[in-house]
């Protein structure tokens, strides 16, 4: 794939930008949320996505899964419908058109059943 910028202006101007950029994806099985698809998207100044996990091996929370070489880039999490309630602060910032920086281990939502 390509390495277009993923800033908000580029997202508006380039149709299906996340589908055009270099991507890698994995499926994780979560006790709280079921299957979660995790997509890493390459972008400008990101030359490589490096996967360091072992496929089909249980991942421990906080364990390294992979990394981007040079720079940063977005990751996308896809959850089954109605399995998660995203935190209001993230929804509010997203609605205003702002990116949300999320740190490893930071809570982004809750299971609808909890």
N, C-alpha and C. Protein backbone atom coordinates (compact mmCIF):
# COMPACT_ATOMS: atom_id res chain seq x y z
N UNK A 1 0.80 -1.19 0.00
CA UNK A 1 0.00 0.00 0.00
C UNK A 1 0.85 1.25 0.00
N UNK A 2 0.18 2.37 0.01
CA UNK A 2 0.82 3.68 0.01
C UNK A 2 1.15 4.13 1.43
N UNK A 3 1.75 5.30 1.54
CA UNK A 3 2.07 5.89 2.83
C UNK A 3 1.59 7.33 2.87
N UNK A 4 0.30 7.56 2.59
CA UNK A 4 -0.26 8.91 2.67
C UNK A 4 -0.29 9.37 4.12
N UNK A 5 -0.26 10.68 4.30
CA UNK A 5 -0.47 11.26 5.63
C UNK A 5 -1.87 10.87 6.10
N UNK A 6 -2.03 10.70 7.40
CA UNK A 6 -3.35 10.37 7.94
C UNK A 6 -3.89 11.50 8.82
N UNK A 7 -3.44 12.73 8.55
CA UNK A 7 -3.97 13.86 9.32
C UNK A 7 -5.41 14.12 8.89
N UNK A 8 -6.17 14.87 9.70
CA UNK A 8 -7.60 15.08 9.40
C UNK A 8 -7.88 15.66 8.01
N UNK A 9 -7.02 16.55 7.50
CA UNK A 9 -7.23 17.12 6.16
C UNK A 9 -7.09 16.04 5.11
N UNK A 10 -6.07 15.21 5.23
CA UNK A 10 -5.87 14.11 4.27
C UNK A 10 -7.04 13.14 4.31
N UNK A 11 -7.55 12.86 5.52
CA UNK A 11 -8.68 11.94 5.64
C UNK A 11 -9.91 12.45 4.89
N UNK A 12 -10.08 13.77 4.87
CA UNK A 12 -11.22 14.35 4.14
C UNK A 12 -11.00 14.36 2.64
N UNK A 13 -9.76 14.52 2.20
CA UNK A 13 -9.47 14.70 0.77
C UNK A 13 -9.18 13.41 0.01
N UNK A 14 -8.69 12.39 0.68
CA UNK A 14 -8.32 11.14 0.00
C UNK A 14 -9.35 10.07 0.35
N UNK A 15 -10.17 9.68 -0.64
CA UNK A 15 -11.20 8.67 -0.37
C UNK A 15 -10.60 7.35 0.12
N UNK A 16 -11.21 6.79 1.13
CA UNK A 16 -10.80 5.49 1.67
C UNK A 16 -9.30 5.43 1.97
N UNK A 17 -8.77 6.50 2.54
CA UNK A 17 -7.34 6.59 2.81
C UNK A 17 -6.83 5.40 3.61
N UNK A 18 -7.54 5.03 4.67
CA UNK A 18 -7.08 3.91 5.48
C UNK A 18 -7.03 2.60 4.69
N UNK A 19 -7.83 2.49 3.64
CA UNK A 19 -7.82 1.30 2.80
C UNK A 19 -6.69 1.33 1.78
N UNK A 20 -6.15 2.51 1.49
CA UNK A 20 -5.08 2.63 0.50
C UNK A 20 -3.69 2.51 1.11
N UNK A 21 -3.52 2.96 2.35
CA UNK A 21 -2.21 2.91 2.98
C UNK A 21 -1.83 1.48 3.34
N UNK A 22 -0.55 1.27 3.53
CA UNK A 22 -0.02 -0.03 3.97
C UNK A 22 -0.71 -0.40 5.28
N UNK A 23 -1.17 -1.65 5.36
CA UNK A 23 -1.88 -2.11 6.55
C UNK A 23 -1.42 -3.51 6.93
N UNK A 24 -1.49 -3.80 8.20
CA UNK A 24 -1.33 -5.16 8.71
C UNK A 24 -2.42 -5.34 9.76
N UNK A 25 -2.94 -6.55 9.89
CA UNK A 25 -4.01 -6.76 10.86
C UNK A 25 -3.86 -8.09 11.57
N UNK A 26 -4.46 -8.14 12.75
CA UNK A 26 -4.45 -9.33 13.60
C UNK A 26 -5.81 -9.44 14.26
N UNK A 27 -6.17 -10.65 14.64
CA UNK A 27 -7.41 -10.88 15.39
C UNK A 27 -7.02 -11.36 16.78
N UNK A 28 -7.56 -10.69 17.80
CA UNK A 28 -7.34 -11.07 19.18
C UNK A 28 -8.65 -11.54 19.78
N UNK A 29 -8.58 -12.57 20.60
CA UNK A 29 -9.75 -13.06 21.30
C UNK A 29 -9.70 -12.51 22.73
N UNK A 30 -10.71 -11.72 23.08
CA UNK A 30 -10.75 -11.06 24.38
C UNK A 30 -11.85 -11.69 25.24
N UNK A 31 -11.53 -11.93 26.50
CA UNK A 31 -12.54 -12.46 27.42
C UNK A 31 -13.69 -11.47 27.60
N UNK A 32 -13.40 -10.17 27.53
CA UNK A 32 -14.42 -9.14 27.75
C UNK A 32 -15.17 -8.73 26.50
N UNK A 33 -14.53 -8.79 25.33
CA UNK A 33 -15.13 -8.22 24.12
C UNK A 33 -15.23 -9.19 22.94
N UNK A 34 -14.86 -10.44 23.12
CA UNK A 34 -14.88 -11.38 22.00
C UNK A 34 -13.73 -11.08 21.04
N UNK A 35 -13.93 -11.38 19.76
CA UNK A 35 -12.89 -11.13 18.77
C UNK A 35 -12.73 -9.63 18.52
N UNK A 36 -11.50 -9.17 18.51
CA UNK A 36 -11.17 -7.77 18.21
C UNK A 36 -10.18 -7.79 17.05
N UNK A 37 -10.48 -7.02 16.02
CA UNK A 37 -9.54 -6.89 14.90
C UNK A 37 -8.70 -5.64 15.15
N UNK A 38 -7.39 -5.82 15.13
CA UNK A 38 -6.44 -4.72 15.36
C UNK A 38 -5.71 -4.46 14.05
N UNK A 39 -5.85 -3.24 13.53
CA UNK A 39 -5.25 -2.87 12.24
C UNK A 39 -4.22 -1.78 12.47
N UNK A 40 -2.99 -2.01 12.00
CA UNK A 40 -1.96 -0.97 12.00
C UNK A 40 -1.93 -0.37 10.61
N UNK A 41 -1.89 0.95 10.53
CA UNK A 41 -1.91 1.65 9.24
C UNK A 41 -0.60 2.41 9.10
N UNK A 42 0.15 2.11 8.05
CA UNK A 42 1.36 2.86 7.75
C UNK A 42 0.98 4.23 7.23
N UNK A 43 1.84 5.21 7.44
CA UNK A 43 1.56 6.57 6.98
C UNK A 43 2.87 7.25 6.61
N UNK A 44 2.80 8.52 6.22
CA UNK A 44 3.99 9.28 5.88
C UNK A 44 5.04 9.12 6.98
N UNK A 45 6.27 8.92 6.59
CA UNK A 45 7.41 8.78 7.51
C UNK A 45 7.41 7.46 8.27
N UNK A 46 6.56 6.53 7.91
CA UNK A 46 6.57 5.20 8.52
C UNK A 46 6.96 4.22 7.43
N UNK A 47 8.16 3.70 7.50
CA UNK A 47 8.64 2.83 6.44
C UNK A 47 8.22 1.38 6.60
N UNK A 48 8.04 0.94 7.82
CA UNK A 48 7.81 -0.48 8.04
C UNK A 48 6.94 -0.69 9.28
N UNK A 49 6.10 -1.71 9.21
CA UNK A 49 5.36 -2.19 10.37
C UNK A 49 6.00 -3.52 10.75
N UNK A 50 6.52 -3.64 11.96
CA UNK A 50 7.20 -4.85 12.40
C UNK A 50 6.31 -5.58 13.41
N UNK A 51 5.99 -6.84 13.12
CA UNK A 51 5.20 -7.67 14.03
C UNK A 51 6.16 -8.51 14.86
N UNK A 52 6.02 -8.49 16.18
CA UNK A 52 6.92 -9.26 17.04
C UNK A 52 6.19 -10.36 17.81
N UNK A 53 4.87 -10.44 17.67
CA UNK A 53 4.12 -11.45 18.41
C UNK A 53 4.19 -12.80 17.68
N UNK A 54 3.83 -13.86 18.39
CA UNK A 54 3.77 -15.20 17.79
C UNK A 54 2.31 -15.52 17.49
N UNK A 55 1.97 -15.75 16.20
CA UNK A 55 0.57 -16.07 15.85
C UNK A 55 0.06 -17.29 16.63
N UNK A 56 -1.21 -17.25 16.98
CA UNK A 56 -1.91 -18.33 17.68
C UNK A 56 -1.38 -18.58 19.09
N UNK A 57 -0.63 -17.64 19.64
CA UNK A 57 -0.16 -17.73 21.03
C UNK A 57 -0.88 -16.65 21.83
N UNK A 58 -1.35 -17.00 23.01
CA UNK A 58 -2.06 -16.03 23.85
C UNK A 58 -1.17 -14.83 24.15
N UNK A 59 -1.76 -13.65 24.00
CA UNK A 59 -1.04 -12.41 24.27
C UNK A 59 -1.42 -11.91 25.66
N UNK A 60 -0.43 -11.52 26.42
CA UNK A 60 -0.67 -11.00 27.76
C UNK A 60 -0.81 -9.48 27.67
N UNK A 61 -1.79 -8.93 28.39
CA UNK A 61 -2.03 -7.49 28.37
C UNK A 61 -0.74 -6.73 28.64
N UNK A 62 -0.44 -5.76 27.77
CA UNK A 62 0.75 -4.95 27.92
C UNK A 62 1.97 -5.50 27.22
N UNK A 63 1.88 -6.72 26.72
CA UNK A 63 3.00 -7.33 26.01
C UNK A 63 3.15 -6.70 24.63
N UNK A 64 4.39 -6.60 24.15
CA UNK A 64 4.62 -6.01 22.83
C UNK A 64 3.99 -6.88 21.75
N UNK A 65 3.30 -6.24 20.81
CA UNK A 65 2.72 -6.92 19.66
C UNK A 65 3.51 -6.61 18.41
N UNK A 66 4.03 -5.40 18.35
CA UNK A 66 4.79 -4.95 17.19
C UNK A 66 5.09 -3.47 17.33
N UNK A 67 5.69 -2.90 16.28
CA UNK A 67 6.01 -1.48 16.33
C UNK A 67 6.18 -0.93 14.92
N UNK A 68 6.12 0.40 14.82
CA UNK A 68 6.37 1.09 13.57
C UNK A 68 7.82 1.55 13.57
N UNK A 69 8.51 1.37 12.43
CA UNK A 69 9.86 1.92 12.31
C UNK A 69 9.74 3.37 11.89
N UNK A 70 10.39 4.26 12.60
CA UNK A 70 10.44 5.70 12.34
C UNK A 70 9.07 6.34 12.35
N UNK A 71 8.82 7.16 13.30
CA UNK A 71 7.57 7.91 13.35
C UNK A 71 6.47 7.14 14.05
N UNK A 72 5.29 7.68 13.99
CA UNK A 72 4.12 7.05 14.59
C UNK A 72 3.05 6.89 13.54
N UNK A 73 2.04 6.16 13.85
CA UNK A 73 0.98 5.91 12.89
C UNK A 73 -0.26 5.44 13.63
N UNK A 74 -1.42 5.52 12.97
CA UNK A 74 -2.64 5.12 13.66
C UNK A 74 -2.82 3.61 13.74
N UNK A 75 -3.54 3.21 14.75
CA UNK A 75 -4.03 1.84 14.82
C UNK A 75 -5.55 1.92 14.92
N UNK A 76 -6.21 0.91 14.41
CA UNK A 76 -7.67 0.87 14.39
C UNK A 76 -8.10 -0.41 15.09
N UNK A 77 -9.06 -0.31 15.99
CA UNK A 77 -9.63 -1.48 16.65
C UNK A 77 -11.07 -1.64 16.20
N UNK A 78 -11.42 -2.84 15.76
CA UNK A 78 -12.79 -3.14 15.35
C UNK A 78 -13.37 -4.15 16.34
N UNK A 79 -14.49 -3.76 16.94
CA UNK A 79 -15.18 -4.61 17.91
C UNK A 79 -16.50 -5.09 17.31
N UNK A 80 -17.00 -6.21 17.81
CA UNK A 80 -18.33 -6.66 17.40
C UNK A 80 -19.35 -5.61 17.83
N UNK A 81 -20.39 -5.45 17.02
CA UNK A 81 -21.43 -4.47 17.31
C UNK A 81 -22.01 -4.71 18.71
N UNK A 82 -22.21 -3.62 19.43
CA UNK A 82 -22.81 -3.63 20.77
C UNK A 82 -21.98 -4.39 21.82
N UNK A 83 -20.66 -4.52 21.59
CA UNK A 83 -19.83 -5.19 22.60
C UNK A 83 -19.08 -4.19 23.47
N UNK A 84 -19.01 -2.92 23.05
CA UNK A 84 -18.24 -1.93 23.80
C UNK A 84 -18.94 -0.57 23.78
N UNK A 85 -18.81 0.14 24.89
CA UNK A 85 -19.25 1.54 24.94
C UNK A 85 -17.98 2.37 25.06
N UNK A 86 -17.63 3.09 23.99
CA UNK A 86 -16.44 3.93 23.97
C UNK A 86 -16.64 5.09 24.95
N UNK A 87 -15.59 5.44 25.68
CA UNK A 87 -15.66 6.54 26.65
C UNK A 87 -16.11 7.83 25.99
N UNK A 88 -16.91 8.60 26.74
CA UNK A 88 -17.47 9.86 26.23
C UNK A 88 -16.41 10.87 25.80
N UNK A 89 -15.27 10.94 26.52
CA UNK A 89 -14.25 11.92 26.14
C UNK A 89 -13.68 11.63 24.76
N UNK A 90 -13.51 10.37 24.42
CA UNK A 90 -13.01 10.00 23.09
C UNK A 90 -14.06 10.32 22.04
N UNK A 91 -15.32 9.99 22.31
CA UNK A 91 -16.39 10.28 21.35
C UNK A 91 -16.53 11.78 21.11
N UNK A 92 -16.44 12.58 22.17
CA UNK A 92 -16.56 14.04 22.05
C UNK A 92 -15.42 14.61 21.21
N UNK A 93 -14.20 14.24 21.50
CA UNK A 93 -13.05 14.75 20.74
C UNK A 93 -13.12 14.32 19.28
N UNK A 94 -13.54 13.10 19.04
CA UNK A 94 -13.67 12.60 17.67
C UNK A 94 -14.73 13.39 16.91
N UNK A 95 -15.86 13.64 17.56
CA UNK A 95 -16.94 14.41 16.94
C UNK A 95 -16.48 15.82 16.57
N UNK A 96 -15.57 16.38 17.36
CA UNK A 96 -15.04 17.72 17.08
C UNK A 96 -13.93 17.70 16.02
N UNK A 97 -13.55 16.50 15.57
CA UNK A 97 -12.53 16.37 14.53
C UNK A 97 -11.11 16.29 15.05
N UNK A 98 -10.96 16.04 16.35
CA UNK A 98 -9.63 15.94 16.94
C UNK A 98 -9.19 14.49 17.03
N UNK A 99 -7.90 14.26 16.82
CA UNK A 99 -7.34 12.94 17.04
C UNK A 99 -7.25 12.71 18.54
N UNK A 100 -7.31 11.46 18.94
CA UNK A 100 -7.22 11.12 20.36
C UNK A 100 -5.98 10.27 20.59
N UNK A 101 -5.05 10.81 21.34
CA UNK A 101 -3.86 10.04 21.70
C UNK A 101 -4.26 9.14 22.86
N UNK A 102 -4.01 7.85 22.70
CA UNK A 102 -4.34 6.88 23.73
C UNK A 102 -3.05 6.17 24.12
N UNK A 103 -2.76 6.14 25.40
CA UNK A 103 -1.56 5.48 25.89
C UNK A 103 -1.82 4.00 26.13
N UNK A 104 -0.78 3.20 26.03
CA UNK A 104 -0.90 1.77 26.27
C UNK A 104 -1.48 1.53 27.66
N UNK A 105 -2.48 0.69 27.74
CA UNK A 105 -3.11 0.36 29.01
C UNK A 105 -4.22 1.31 29.43
N UNK A 106 -4.38 2.41 28.70
CA UNK A 106 -5.42 3.38 29.03
C UNK A 106 -6.79 2.82 28.66
N UNK A 107 -7.77 3.01 29.53
CA UNK A 107 -9.13 2.54 29.27
C UNK A 107 -9.75 3.40 28.17
N UNK A 108 -10.33 2.75 27.15
CA UNK A 108 -11.00 3.48 26.07
C UNK A 108 -12.50 3.23 26.06
N UNK A 109 -12.95 2.28 26.85
CA UNK A 109 -14.37 1.97 26.89
C UNK A 109 -14.64 0.83 27.85
N UNK A 110 -15.92 0.47 27.93
CA UNK A 110 -16.34 -0.60 28.82
C UNK A 110 -17.23 -1.58 28.07
N UNK A 111 -17.21 -2.80 28.53
CA UNK A 111 -18.09 -3.83 28.00
C UNK A 111 -19.53 -3.44 28.34
N UNK A 112 -20.43 -3.56 27.37
CA UNK A 112 -21.83 -3.20 27.62
C UNK A 112 -22.44 -4.00 28.76
N UNK A 113 -21.94 -5.20 29.00
CA UNK A 113 -22.52 -6.07 30.02
C UNK A 113 -21.94 -5.85 31.41
N UNK A 114 -21.00 -4.88 31.56
CA UNK A 114 -20.40 -4.69 32.89
C UNK A 114 -20.95 -3.47 33.58
